[in-house]
């Protein structure tokens, strides 16, 4: 009998918490922790709407690509919900170099043009394919992956992540856009020093 009463009370308690905890719109003025932002108190419908993916991103850059994020920092309504989105624009010859998302898996949906995309497993097996409009591809969390325009016209894709803050580390920038000494890069990548210096010059690295 006592166990039945405890079960009922625990059920009521958990149910009331679920009702109170339907969502937690991010208070972007507060601190971010691994669990996300704290909840803001004054919530409106605009916290659950984001219009930033309608416009094309600026691809006038070194990689001829633009990623427009709808992560928690831009879209507070996704805080704590385990998902987010982004728009990918690739000009002709545009490329998103090898990169990882440490905190989330990714699904890419091509809506315009042709995109070659792929990833490398932890066993160093490569999976890649040329995708056309309507195709989707999944990239498991934390694995190196890439996308590039495989056609002769601009390409567009929409991307979904399994985290409101999936994170991003681009391999080329991690190696050559900082002050890591060139001798260490040469030692750990088997590139020659002239190549390392050239890449550092292109990507803004020092040392």
N, C-alpha and C. Protein backbone atom coordinates (compact mmCIF):
# COMPACT_ATOMS: atom_id res chain seq x y z
N UNK A 1 0.83 -1.21 0.00
CA UNK A 1 0.00 0.00 0.00
C UNK A 1 0.86 1.25 0.00
N UNK A 2 1.90 1.23 0.86
CA UNK A 2 2.80 2.38 0.95
C UNK A 2 3.52 2.61 -0.37
N UNK A 3 3.93 1.53 -1.04
CA UNK A 3 4.61 1.66 -2.32
C UNK A 3 3.67 2.26 -3.37
N UNK A 4 2.39 1.87 -3.32
CA UNK A 4 1.43 2.41 -4.27
C UNK A 4 1.24 3.91 -4.07
N UNK A 5 1.18 4.34 -2.81
CA UNK A 5 1.02 5.78 -2.52
C UNK A 5 2.25 6.55 -2.99
N UNK A 6 3.44 6.00 -2.72
CA UNK A 6 4.67 6.66 -3.16
C UNK A 6 4.72 6.77 -4.69
N UNK A 7 4.27 5.72 -5.37
CA UNK A 7 4.25 5.73 -6.83
C UNK A 7 3.34 6.83 -7.35
N UNK A 8 2.15 6.96 -6.75
CA UNK A 8 1.19 7.98 -7.18
C UNK A 8 1.77 9.37 -6.99
N UNK A 9 2.37 9.61 -5.80
CA UNK A 9 2.94 10.93 -5.54
C UNK A 9 4.11 11.23 -6.48
N UNK A 10 4.94 10.22 -6.75
CA UNK A 10 6.07 10.44 -7.66
C UNK A 10 5.57 10.72 -9.07
N UNK A 11 4.49 10.05 -9.47
CA UNK A 11 3.92 10.29 -10.80
C UNK A 11 3.36 11.70 -10.90
N UNK A 12 2.63 12.13 -9.87
CA UNK A 12 2.07 13.48 -9.88
C UNK A 12 3.18 14.53 -9.89
N UNK A 13 4.24 14.27 -9.12
CA UNK A 13 5.35 15.21 -9.06
C UNK A 13 6.04 15.32 -10.41
N UNK A 14 6.31 14.16 -11.04
CA UNK A 14 6.99 14.19 -12.34
C UNK A 14 6.10 14.82 -13.40
N UNK A 15 4.78 14.57 -13.33
CA UNK A 15 3.87 15.16 -14.30
C UNK A 15 3.82 16.66 -14.17
N UNK A 16 3.81 17.16 -12.94
CA UNK A 16 3.77 18.61 -12.75
C UNK A 16 5.05 19.25 -13.23
N UNK A 17 6.19 18.56 -13.03
CA UNK A 17 7.46 19.09 -13.53
C UNK A 17 7.47 19.14 -15.05
N UNK A 18 6.88 18.14 -15.68
CA UNK A 18 6.85 18.10 -17.15
C UNK A 18 6.05 19.28 -17.68
N UNK A 19 4.95 19.60 -16.98
CA UNK A 19 4.13 20.73 -17.42
C UNK A 19 4.88 22.04 -17.25
N UNK A 20 5.58 22.18 -16.12
CA UNK A 20 6.33 23.40 -15.88
C UNK A 20 7.50 23.50 -16.84
N UNK A 21 8.11 22.34 -17.17
CA UNK A 21 9.31 22.33 -17.98
C UNK A 21 9.06 22.06 -19.44
N UNK A 22 8.01 22.59 -20.03
CA UNK A 22 7.74 22.36 -21.45
C UNK A 22 8.87 22.89 -22.32
N UNK A 23 9.47 23.99 -21.93
CA UNK A 23 10.55 24.61 -22.70
C UNK A 23 11.36 25.51 -21.79
N UNK A 24 12.50 25.92 -22.30
CA UNK A 24 13.39 26.83 -21.56
C UNK A 24 14.03 27.76 -22.57
N UNK A 25 13.33 28.82 -22.93
CA UNK A 25 13.87 29.79 -23.89
C UNK A 25 15.11 30.43 -23.28
N UNK A 26 16.20 30.47 -24.05
CA UNK A 26 17.49 30.91 -23.54
C UNK A 26 17.49 32.38 -23.14
N UNK A 27 18.04 32.64 -21.98
CA UNK A 27 18.35 34.02 -21.57
C UNK A 27 19.77 34.29 -22.03
N UNK A 28 19.90 34.89 -23.20
CA UNK A 28 21.22 35.08 -23.80
C UNK A 28 22.09 36.08 -23.04
N UNK A 29 21.50 36.80 -22.10
CA UNK A 29 22.27 37.72 -21.26
C UNK A 29 22.94 36.99 -20.11
N UNK A 30 22.51 35.76 -19.87
CA UNK A 30 23.11 34.96 -18.80
C UNK A 30 24.28 34.16 -19.30
N UNK A 31 24.84 33.36 -18.41
CA UNK A 31 25.99 32.53 -18.75
C UNK A 31 25.53 31.22 -19.39
N UNK A 32 26.33 30.71 -20.29
CA UNK A 32 26.04 29.43 -20.91
C UNK A 32 26.85 28.35 -20.22
N UNK A 33 26.20 27.24 -19.91
CA UNK A 33 26.87 26.09 -19.30
C UNK A 33 26.76 24.92 -20.25
N UNK A 34 27.42 23.79 -19.95
CA UNK A 34 27.25 22.61 -20.82
C UNK A 34 25.80 22.16 -20.95
N UNK A 35 24.97 22.52 -19.97
CA UNK A 35 23.55 22.15 -20.04
C UNK A 35 22.72 23.18 -20.80
N UNK A 36 23.35 24.26 -21.24
CA UNK A 36 22.64 25.31 -21.97
C UNK A 36 22.53 26.59 -21.18
N UNK A 37 21.73 27.50 -21.68
CA UNK A 37 21.50 28.77 -21.00
C UNK A 37 20.41 28.60 -19.95
N UNK A 38 20.38 29.54 -19.01
CA UNK A 38 19.26 29.60 -18.07
C UNK A 38 18.03 30.11 -18.82
N UNK A 39 16.86 29.92 -18.22
CA UNK A 39 15.60 30.25 -18.89
C UNK A 39 15.24 31.72 -18.68
N UNK A 40 14.79 32.38 -19.73
CA UNK A 40 14.26 33.73 -19.58
C UNK A 40 12.84 33.67 -19.05
N UNK A 41 12.41 34.71 -18.40
CA UNK A 41 11.09 34.70 -17.78
C UNK A 41 10.00 35.23 -18.70
N UNK A 42 10.29 36.28 -19.44
CA UNK A 42 9.29 36.86 -20.34
C UNK A 42 9.44 36.24 -21.72
N UNK A 43 8.53 35.34 -22.09
CA UNK A 43 8.60 34.60 -23.34
C UNK A 43 7.47 35.03 -24.27
N UNK A 44 7.81 35.21 -25.56
CA UNK A 44 6.80 35.53 -26.57
C UNK A 44 6.90 34.54 -27.72
N UNK A 45 5.93 34.58 -28.62
CA UNK A 45 5.96 33.68 -29.77
C UNK A 45 7.18 33.90 -30.64
N UNK A 46 7.72 35.12 -30.64
CA UNK A 46 8.89 35.42 -31.46
C UNK A 46 10.12 34.64 -31.01
N UNK A 47 10.13 34.16 -29.76
CA UNK A 47 11.24 33.35 -29.29
C UNK A 47 11.27 31.98 -29.98
N UNK A 48 10.16 31.58 -30.57
CA UNK A 48 10.05 30.27 -31.20
C UNK A 48 10.03 30.37 -32.73
N UNK A 49 10.34 31.56 -33.26
CA UNK A 49 10.35 31.79 -34.71
C UNK A 49 11.68 32.40 -35.10
N UNK A 50 12.28 31.90 -36.19
CA UNK A 50 13.53 32.44 -36.71
C UNK A 50 13.42 32.57 -38.21
N UNK A 51 13.68 33.77 -38.74
CA UNK A 51 13.52 34.03 -40.17
C UNK A 51 14.84 34.20 -40.90
N UNK A 52 15.94 33.93 -40.22
CA UNK A 52 17.25 34.22 -40.79
C UNK A 52 17.73 33.30 -41.88
N UNK A 53 17.04 32.19 -42.11
CA UNK A 53 17.50 31.25 -43.13
C UNK A 53 16.92 31.52 -44.51
N UNK A 54 16.10 32.56 -44.62
CA UNK A 54 15.47 32.85 -45.91
C UNK A 54 16.45 33.47 -46.90
N UNK A 55 17.40 34.25 -46.40
CA UNK A 55 18.32 34.97 -47.28
C UNK A 55 19.61 34.20 -47.47
N UNK A 56 20.16 34.29 -48.68
CA UNK A 56 21.43 33.63 -48.98
C UNK A 56 22.57 34.28 -48.21
N UNK A 57 23.53 33.47 -47.80
CA UNK A 57 24.71 33.98 -47.12
C UNK A 57 25.71 34.55 -48.10
N UNK A 58 26.67 35.30 -47.58
CA UNK A 58 27.70 35.94 -48.41
C UNK A 58 28.83 34.95 -48.68
N UNK A 59 28.97 34.54 -49.93
CA UNK A 59 29.99 33.57 -50.31
C UNK A 59 31.25 34.22 -50.89
N UNK A 60 31.38 35.53 -50.72
CA UNK A 60 32.57 36.24 -51.21
C UNK A 60 33.69 36.11 -50.19
N UNK A 61 34.27 34.93 -50.09
CA UNK A 61 35.33 34.69 -49.13
C UNK A 61 36.26 33.60 -49.67
N UNK A 62 37.24 33.24 -48.89
CA UNK A 62 38.26 32.30 -49.33
C UNK A 62 37.69 30.96 -49.77
N UNK A 63 36.70 30.45 -49.04
CA UNK A 63 36.15 29.12 -49.34
C UNK A 63 34.89 29.19 -50.21
N UNK A 64 34.45 30.38 -50.56
CA UNK A 64 33.27 30.58 -51.42
C UNK A 64 32.04 29.88 -50.85
N UNK A 65 31.91 29.95 -49.54
CA UNK A 65 30.81 29.28 -48.86
C UNK A 65 30.33 30.15 -47.71
N UNK A 66 29.07 29.95 -47.32
CA UNK A 66 28.51 30.68 -46.19
C UNK A 66 27.58 29.76 -45.42
N UNK A 67 27.72 29.77 -44.11
CA UNK A 67 26.83 29.02 -43.23
C UNK A 67 26.08 30.03 -42.37
N UNK A 68 24.76 30.00 -42.47
CA UNK A 68 23.91 30.88 -41.65
C UNK A 68 23.30 30.03 -40.55
N UNK A 69 23.73 30.21 -39.29
CA UNK A 69 23.25 29.32 -38.23
C UNK A 69 21.93 29.76 -37.61
N UNK A 70 21.16 28.79 -37.18
CA UNK A 70 20.00 29.01 -36.32
C UNK A 70 20.24 28.18 -35.06
N UNK A 71 21.37 28.49 -34.40
CA UNK A 71 21.72 27.83 -33.15
C UNK A 71 21.09 28.61 -32.00
N UNK A 72 21.33 28.16 -30.79
CA UNK A 72 20.69 28.81 -29.64
C UNK A 72 21.07 30.28 -29.53
N UNK A 73 22.28 30.64 -29.93
CA UNK A 73 22.70 32.04 -29.85
C UNK A 73 21.90 32.95 -30.77
N UNK A 74 21.39 32.39 -31.87
CA UNK A 74 20.57 33.17 -32.80
C UNK A 74 19.08 32.88 -32.60
N UNK A 75 18.76 31.72 -32.05
CA UNK A 75 17.38 31.22 -31.98
C UNK A 75 17.14 30.68 -30.56
N UNK A 76 16.86 31.55 -29.59
CA UNK A 76 16.79 31.14 -28.18
C UNK A 76 15.79 30.05 -27.89
N UNK A 77 14.77 29.88 -28.74
CA UNK A 77 13.74 28.89 -28.50
C UNK A 77 14.21 27.46 -28.56
N UNK A 78 15.38 27.18 -29.17
CA UNK A 78 15.87 25.80 -29.25
C UNK A 78 16.66 25.39 -28.02
N UNK A 79 16.85 26.30 -27.10
CA UNK A 79 17.61 25.99 -25.90
C UNK A 79 17.04 24.76 -25.18
N UNK A 80 17.89 23.79 -24.93
CA UNK A 80 17.48 22.61 -24.19
C UNK A 80 16.68 21.59 -24.97
N UNK A 81 16.42 21.83 -26.24
CA UNK A 81 15.57 20.94 -27.03
C UNK A 81 16.35 19.90 -27.84
N UNK A 82 17.67 20.02 -27.87
CA UNK A 82 18.47 19.02 -28.55
C UNK A 82 18.42 19.10 -30.06
N UNK A 83 18.21 20.30 -30.62
CA UNK A 83 18.18 20.44 -32.07
C UNK A 83 18.47 21.88 -32.47
N UNK A 84 18.85 22.05 -33.73
CA UNK A 84 19.06 23.38 -34.32
C UNK A 84 19.17 23.19 -35.83
N UNK A 85 19.30 24.30 -36.55
CA UNK A 85 19.39 24.24 -38.01
C UNK A 85 20.41 25.26 -38.51
N UNK A 86 20.70 25.17 -39.80
CA UNK A 86 21.56 26.15 -40.47
C UNK A 86 21.28 26.09 -41.96
N UNK A 87 21.70 27.14 -42.65
CA UNK A 87 21.62 27.19 -44.10
C UNK A 87 23.04 27.19 -44.65
N UNK A 88 23.28 26.40 -45.70
CA UNK A 88 24.58 26.34 -46.35
C UNK A 88 24.44 26.85 -47.78
N UNK A 89 25.21 27.88 -48.11
CA UNK A 89 25.29 28.40 -49.47
C UNK A 89 26.68 28.14 -50.02
N UNK A 90 26.75 27.55 -51.21
CA UNK A 90 28.02 27.25 -51.86
C UNK A 90 28.02 27.87 -53.24
N UNK A 91 28.91 28.83 -53.46
CA UNK A 91 29.09 29.37 -54.80
C UNK A 91 29.76 28.30 -55.66
N UNK A 92 29.87 28.55 -56.94
CA UNK A 92 30.61 27.63 -57.81
C UNK A 92 32.03 27.50 -57.27
N UNK A 93 32.51 26.27 -57.13
CA UNK A 93 33.81 25.94 -56.52
C UNK A 93 33.84 26.17 -55.01
N UNK A 94 32.70 26.44 -54.39
CA UNK A 94 32.65 26.62 -52.95
C UNK A 94 32.88 25.32 -52.21
N UNK A 95 33.48 25.43 -51.02
CA UNK A 95 33.80 24.24 -50.24
C UNK A 95 33.72 24.54 -48.75
N UNK A 96 33.19 23.59 -48.01
CA UNK A 96 33.32 23.60 -46.55
C UNK A 96 34.39 22.56 -46.23
N UNK A 97 35.60 23.00 -45.83
CA UNK A 97 36.70 22.05 -45.64
C UNK A 97 36.40 21.03 -44.54
N UNK A 98 37.27 20.05 -44.42
CA UNK A 98 37.14 19.04 -43.38
C UNK A 98 36.91 19.71 -42.02
N UNK A 99 35.85 19.26 -41.34
CA UNK A 99 35.52 19.87 -40.06
C UNK A 99 34.75 18.86 -39.21
N UNK A 100 34.56 19.19 -37.96
CA UNK A 100 33.77 18.36 -37.06
C UNK A 100 32.80 19.23 -36.27
N UNK A 101 31.74 18.60 -35.79
CA UNK A 101 30.84 19.20 -34.82
C UNK A 101 30.93 18.35 -33.56
N UNK A 102 31.68 18.79 -32.57
CA UNK A 102 31.93 17.94 -31.39
C UNK A 102 30.67 17.58 -30.60
N UNK A 103 29.62 18.41 -30.70
CA UNK A 103 28.47 18.22 -29.81
C UNK A 103 27.19 17.80 -30.52
N UNK A 104 27.26 17.44 -31.81
CA UNK A 104 26.02 17.07 -32.46
C UNK A 104 26.21 16.35 -33.79
N UNK A 105 25.27 15.45 -34.09
CA UNK A 105 25.21 14.85 -35.43
C UNK A 105 24.50 15.82 -36.37
N UNK A 106 24.64 15.58 -37.67
CA UNK A 106 24.15 16.52 -38.68
C UNK A 106 23.41 15.77 -39.79
N UNK A 107 22.33 16.37 -40.26
CA UNK A 107 21.65 15.89 -41.47
C UNK A 107 21.57 17.05 -42.46
N UNK A 108 21.99 16.80 -43.70
CA UNK A 108 22.02 17.82 -44.74
C UNK A 108 20.99 17.49 -45.81
N UNK A 109 20.18 18.47 -46.17
CA UNK A 109 19.17 18.35 -47.24
C UNK A 109 19.51 19.31 -48.36
N UNK A 110 19.78 18.80 -49.54
CA UNK A 110 20.10 19.65 -50.69
C UNK A 110 18.79 20.18 -51.29
N UNK A 111 18.70 21.50 -51.46
CA UNK A 111 17.50 22.10 -52.06
C UNK A 111 17.79 22.77 -53.39
N UNK A 112 19.07 22.93 -53.73
CA UNK A 112 19.42 23.55 -55.01
C UNK A 112 20.82 23.11 -55.40
N UNK A 113 21.01 22.77 -56.68
CA UNK A 113 22.33 22.43 -57.17
C UNK A 113 22.76 21.03 -56.80
N UNK A 114 24.07 20.83 -56.86
CA UNK A 114 24.68 19.52 -56.58
C UNK A 114 25.81 19.70 -55.57
N UNK A 115 25.83 18.87 -54.55
CA UNK A 115 26.83 18.97 -53.49
C UNK A 115 27.47 17.61 -53.28
N UNK A 116 28.79 17.55 -53.33
CA UNK A 116 29.51 16.34 -52.96
C UNK A 116 29.80 16.43 -51.47
N UNK A 117 29.41 15.41 -50.73
CA UNK A 117 29.59 15.43 -49.29
C UNK A 117 30.07 14.07 -48.81
N UNK A 118 30.78 14.07 -47.70
CA UNK A 118 31.25 12.81 -47.16
C UNK A 118 31.83 12.95 -45.78
N UNK A 119 32.10 11.81 -45.16
CA UNK A 119 32.72 11.81 -43.83
C UNK A 119 33.68 10.63 -43.74
N UNK A 120 34.54 10.69 -42.71
CA UNK A 120 35.53 9.65 -42.47
C UNK A 120 35.24 9.04 -41.11
N UNK A 121 35.09 7.73 -41.08
CA UNK A 121 34.80 7.06 -39.81
C UNK A 121 36.06 6.99 -38.95
N UNK A 122 35.88 6.61 -37.69
CA UNK A 122 37.02 6.48 -36.78
C UNK A 122 37.94 5.33 -37.19
N UNK A 123 37.44 4.46 -38.09
CA UNK A 123 38.28 3.39 -38.65
C UNK A 123 38.92 3.81 -39.97
N UNK A 124 38.81 5.13 -40.29
CA UNK A 124 39.38 5.70 -41.51
C UNK A 124 38.74 5.17 -42.78
N UNK A 125 37.48 4.78 -42.69
CA UNK A 125 36.71 4.42 -43.87
C UNK A 125 36.00 5.68 -44.36
N UNK A 126 36.08 5.93 -45.67
CA UNK A 126 35.51 7.15 -46.25
C UNK A 126 34.16 6.84 -46.88
N UNK A 127 33.16 7.68 -46.59
CA UNK A 127 31.84 7.57 -47.18
C UNK A 127 31.51 8.91 -47.83
N UNK A 128 31.41 8.94 -49.16
CA UNK A 128 31.08 10.20 -49.82
C UNK A 128 30.22 9.94 -51.05
N UNK A 129 29.45 10.98 -51.43
CA UNK A 129 28.57 10.84 -52.58
C UNK A 129 28.20 12.22 -53.10
N UNK A 130 27.92 12.30 -54.41
CA UNK A 130 27.41 13.53 -54.99
C UNK A 130 25.89 13.55 -54.81
N UNK A 131 25.41 14.57 -54.15
CA UNK A 131 23.99 14.68 -53.80
C UNK A 131 23.30 15.69 -54.71
N UNK A 132 22.07 15.39 -55.07
CA UNK A 132 21.28 16.31 -55.89
C UNK A 132 20.09 16.81 -55.07
N UNK A 133 19.32 17.69 -55.66
CA UNK A 133 18.17 18.27 -54.99
C UNK A 133 17.25 17.18 -54.42
N UNK A 134 16.90 17.33 -53.17
CA UNK A 134 16.03 16.37 -52.50
C UNK A 134 16.76 15.27 -51.75
N UNK A 135 18.07 15.11 -52.01
CA UNK A 135 18.85 14.09 -51.30
C UNK A 135 19.22 14.60 -49.91
N UNK A 136 19.31 13.66 -48.96
CA UNK A 136 19.79 14.00 -47.63
C UNK A 136 20.94 13.07 -47.28
N UNK A 137 21.81 13.56 -46.40
CA UNK A 137 22.93 12.74 -45.92
C UNK A 137 23.15 13.05 -44.46
N UNK A 138 23.50 12.02 -43.69
CA UNK A 138 23.73 12.18 -42.26
C UNK A 138 25.23 12.09 -41.97
N UNK A 139 25.69 12.89 -41.00
CA UNK A 139 27.09 12.91 -40.59
C UNK A 139 27.13 12.66 -39.08
N UNK A 140 27.64 11.51 -38.65
CA UNK A 140 27.65 11.19 -37.22
C UNK A 140 28.48 12.18 -36.40
N UNK A 141 28.05 12.37 -35.19
CA UNK A 141 28.67 13.34 -34.28
C UNK A 141 30.18 13.13 -34.15
N UNK A 142 30.91 14.24 -34.26
CA UNK A 142 32.34 14.24 -33.98
C UNK A 142 33.23 13.77 -35.11
N UNK A 143 32.66 13.23 -36.21
CA UNK A 143 33.50 12.71 -37.29
C UNK A 143 33.85 13.81 -38.29
N UNK A 144 35.06 13.73 -38.84
CA UNK A 144 35.47 14.66 -39.88
C UNK A 144 34.57 14.51 -41.10
N UNK A 145 34.11 15.64 -41.65
CA UNK A 145 33.28 15.59 -42.84
C UNK A 145 33.46 16.86 -43.66
N UNK A 146 32.91 16.87 -44.88
CA UNK A 146 33.12 17.99 -45.81
C UNK A 146 31.93 18.09 -46.74
N UNK A 147 31.82 19.24 -47.39
CA UNK A 147 30.87 19.45 -48.48
C UNK A 147 31.52 20.40 -49.49
N UNK A 148 31.26 20.17 -50.78
CA UNK A 148 31.67 21.15 -51.78
C UNK A 148 30.70 21.15 -52.95
N UNK A 149 30.66 22.25 -53.65
CA UNK A 149 29.77 22.40 -54.80
C UNK A 149 30.30 21.52 -55.93
N UNK A 150 29.49 20.56 -56.35
CA UNK A 150 29.90 19.62 -57.39
C UNK A 150 29.31 19.97 -58.74
N UNK A 151 28.67 21.14 -58.86
CA UNK A 151 28.04 21.53 -60.11
C UNK A 151 28.60 22.82 -60.67
N UNK A 152 27.89 23.38 -61.63
CA UNK A 152 28.33 24.60 -62.30
C UNK A 152 27.42 25.78 -62.00
N UNK A 153 26.63 25.68 -60.93
CA UNK A 153 25.76 26.76 -60.48
C UNK A 153 25.74 26.75 -58.96
N UNK A 154 25.30 27.84 -58.33
CA UNK A 154 25.28 27.88 -56.86
C UNK A 154 24.45 26.73 -56.28
N UNK A 155 24.85 26.27 -55.12
CA UNK A 155 24.14 25.19 -54.43
C UNK A 155 23.69 25.67 -53.06
N UNK A 156 22.56 25.13 -52.62
CA UNK A 156 21.99 25.50 -51.31
C UNK A 156 21.54 24.24 -50.60
N UNK A 157 21.80 24.19 -49.30
CA UNK A 157 21.33 23.07 -48.48
C UNK A 157 20.88 23.60 -47.14
N UNK A 158 19.96 22.89 -46.51
CA UNK A 158 19.57 23.18 -45.14
C UNK A 158 20.04 22.02 -44.28
N UNK A 159 20.54 22.37 -43.12
CA UNK A 159 21.19 21.40 -42.24
C UNK A 159 20.50 21.40 -40.89
N UNK A 160 20.32 20.21 -40.33
CA UNK A 160 19.76 20.05 -39.00
C UNK A 160 20.78 19.37 -38.10
N UNK A 161 20.83 19.79 -36.84
CA UNK A 161 21.77 19.24 -35.87
C UNK A 161 21.03 18.68 -34.67
N UNK A 162 21.65 17.72 -34.01
CA UNK A 162 21.05 17.11 -32.82
C UNK A 162 21.46 17.83 -31.55
N UNK A 163 21.78 19.11 -31.66
CA UNK A 163 22.17 19.91 -30.51
C UNK A 163 21.86 21.37 -30.81
N UNK A 164 21.46 22.15 -29.80
CA UNK A 164 21.26 23.59 -30.02
C UNK A 164 22.58 24.34 -30.19
N UNK A 165 23.69 23.71 -29.80
CA UNK A 165 25.03 24.29 -29.96
C UNK A 165 25.98 23.19 -30.39
N UNK A 166 25.97 22.80 -31.67
CA UNK A 166 26.77 21.64 -32.11
C UNK A 166 28.27 21.86 -32.10
N UNK A 167 28.70 23.13 -32.07
CA UNK A 167 30.13 23.41 -32.11
C UNK A 167 30.69 23.21 -33.51
N UNK A 168 31.89 23.75 -33.72
CA UNK A 168 32.53 23.64 -35.03
C UNK A 168 34.04 23.76 -34.89
N UNK A 169 34.76 22.84 -35.51
CA UNK A 169 36.21 22.96 -35.62
C UNK A 169 36.60 22.57 -37.04
N UNK A 170 37.15 23.54 -37.78
CA UNK A 170 37.60 23.31 -39.16
C UNK A 170 39.07 22.90 -39.11
N UNK A 171 39.38 21.75 -39.69
CA UNK A 171 40.71 21.18 -39.58
C UNK A 171 41.79 22.12 -40.09
N UNK A 172 41.59 22.71 -41.27
CA UNK A 172 42.61 23.59 -41.85
C UNK A 172 42.90 24.77 -40.95
N UNK A 173 41.85 25.38 -40.40
CA UNK A 173 42.03 26.53 -39.52
C UNK A 173 42.65 26.12 -38.19
N UNK A 174 42.29 24.94 -37.70
CA UNK A 174 42.87 24.46 -36.45
C UNK A 174 44.38 24.27 -36.57
N UNK A 175 44.83 23.87 -37.76
CA UNK A 175 46.25 23.63 -37.96
C UNK A 175 47.03 24.88 -38.36
N UNK A 176 46.43 25.72 -39.21
CA UNK A 176 47.22 26.77 -39.85
C UNK A 176 46.76 28.21 -39.58
N UNK A 177 45.71 28.40 -38.79
CA UNK A 177 45.22 29.76 -38.55
C UNK A 177 45.46 30.21 -37.12
N UNK A 178 46.50 29.66 -36.49
CA UNK A 178 46.80 30.04 -35.11
C UNK A 178 48.30 30.22 -34.94
N UNK A 179 48.76 30.21 -33.69
CA UNK A 179 50.19 30.44 -33.44
C UNK A 179 50.93 29.15 -33.08
N UNK A 180 50.37 27.99 -33.46
CA UNK A 180 51.08 26.73 -33.25
C UNK A 180 52.38 26.76 -34.06
N UNK A 181 53.53 26.55 -33.44
CA UNK A 181 54.81 26.66 -34.17
C UNK A 181 54.85 25.75 -35.39
N UNK A 182 55.39 26.29 -36.46
CA UNK A 182 55.47 25.55 -37.72
C UNK A 182 56.23 24.24 -37.57
N UNK A 183 57.28 24.23 -36.73
CA UNK A 183 58.07 23.00 -36.56
C UNK A 183 57.21 21.87 -35.98
N UNK A 184 56.27 22.21 -35.11
CA UNK A 184 55.39 21.19 -34.54
C UNK A 184 54.43 20.67 -35.59
N UNK A 185 53.92 21.57 -36.42
CA UNK A 185 53.01 21.14 -37.50
C UNK A 185 53.74 20.24 -38.48
N UNK A 186 54.96 20.61 -38.84
CA UNK A 186 55.77 19.79 -39.74
C UNK A 186 55.96 18.39 -39.14
N UNK A 187 56.28 18.36 -37.86
CA UNK A 187 56.55 17.08 -37.18
C UNK A 187 55.31 16.20 -37.12
N UNK A 188 54.14 16.80 -36.91
CA UNK A 188 52.93 16.00 -36.67
C UNK A 188 52.09 15.75 -37.91
N UNK A 189 52.39 16.43 -39.02
CA UNK A 189 51.60 16.25 -40.24
C UNK A 189 52.40 15.69 -41.40
N UNK A 190 53.73 15.66 -41.30
CA UNK A 190 54.63 15.19 -42.36
C UNK A 190 54.63 16.12 -43.57
N UNK A 191 54.10 17.33 -43.42
CA UNK A 191 54.22 18.34 -44.47
C UNK A 191 55.60 18.98 -44.37
N UNK A 192 56.08 19.54 -45.50
CA UNK A 192 57.36 20.24 -45.39
C UNK A 192 57.12 21.67 -44.93
N UNK A 193 58.17 22.31 -44.48
CA UNK A 193 58.04 23.62 -43.83
C UNK A 193 57.54 24.68 -44.79
N UNK A 194 57.92 24.59 -46.06
CA UNK A 194 57.46 25.57 -47.05
C UNK A 194 55.94 25.49 -47.22
N UNK A 195 55.40 24.28 -47.25
CA UNK A 195 53.95 24.11 -47.35
C UNK A 195 53.24 24.68 -46.13
N UNK A 196 53.78 24.42 -44.96
CA UNK A 196 53.18 24.91 -43.73
C UNK A 196 53.17 26.44 -43.70
N UNK A 197 54.29 27.05 -44.09
CA UNK A 197 54.36 28.51 -44.10
C UNK A 197 53.39 29.11 -45.11
N UNK A 198 53.25 28.45 -46.26
CA UNK A 198 52.31 28.92 -47.27
C UNK A 198 50.88 28.88 -46.75
N UNK A 199 50.50 27.78 -46.10
CA UNK A 199 49.14 27.64 -45.57
C UNK A 199 48.89 28.61 -44.43
N UNK A 200 49.89 28.83 -43.59
CA UNK A 200 49.75 29.81 -42.52
C UNK A 200 49.54 31.22 -43.10
N UNK A 201 50.26 31.52 -44.16
CA UNK A 201 50.10 32.84 -44.80
C UNK A 201 48.71 33.02 -45.38
N UNK A 202 48.16 31.97 -45.99
CA UNK A 202 46.84 32.04 -46.59
C UNK A 202 45.76 32.17 -45.52
N UNK A 203 45.90 31.42 -44.42
CA UNK A 203 44.85 31.34 -43.42
C UNK A 203 45.04 32.26 -42.22
N UNK A 204 46.16 32.99 -42.21
CA UNK A 204 46.34 34.00 -41.15
C UNK A 204 47.06 33.52 -39.91
N UNK A 205 47.75 32.38 -40.00
CA UNK A 205 48.47 31.88 -38.84
C UNK A 205 49.80 32.59 -38.65
N UNK A 206 50.40 32.37 -37.48
CA UNK A 206 51.71 32.97 -37.16
C UNK A 206 52.63 31.86 -36.69
N UNK A 207 53.81 32.28 -36.19
CA UNK A 207 54.82 31.35 -35.64
C UNK A 207 55.33 30.42 -36.72
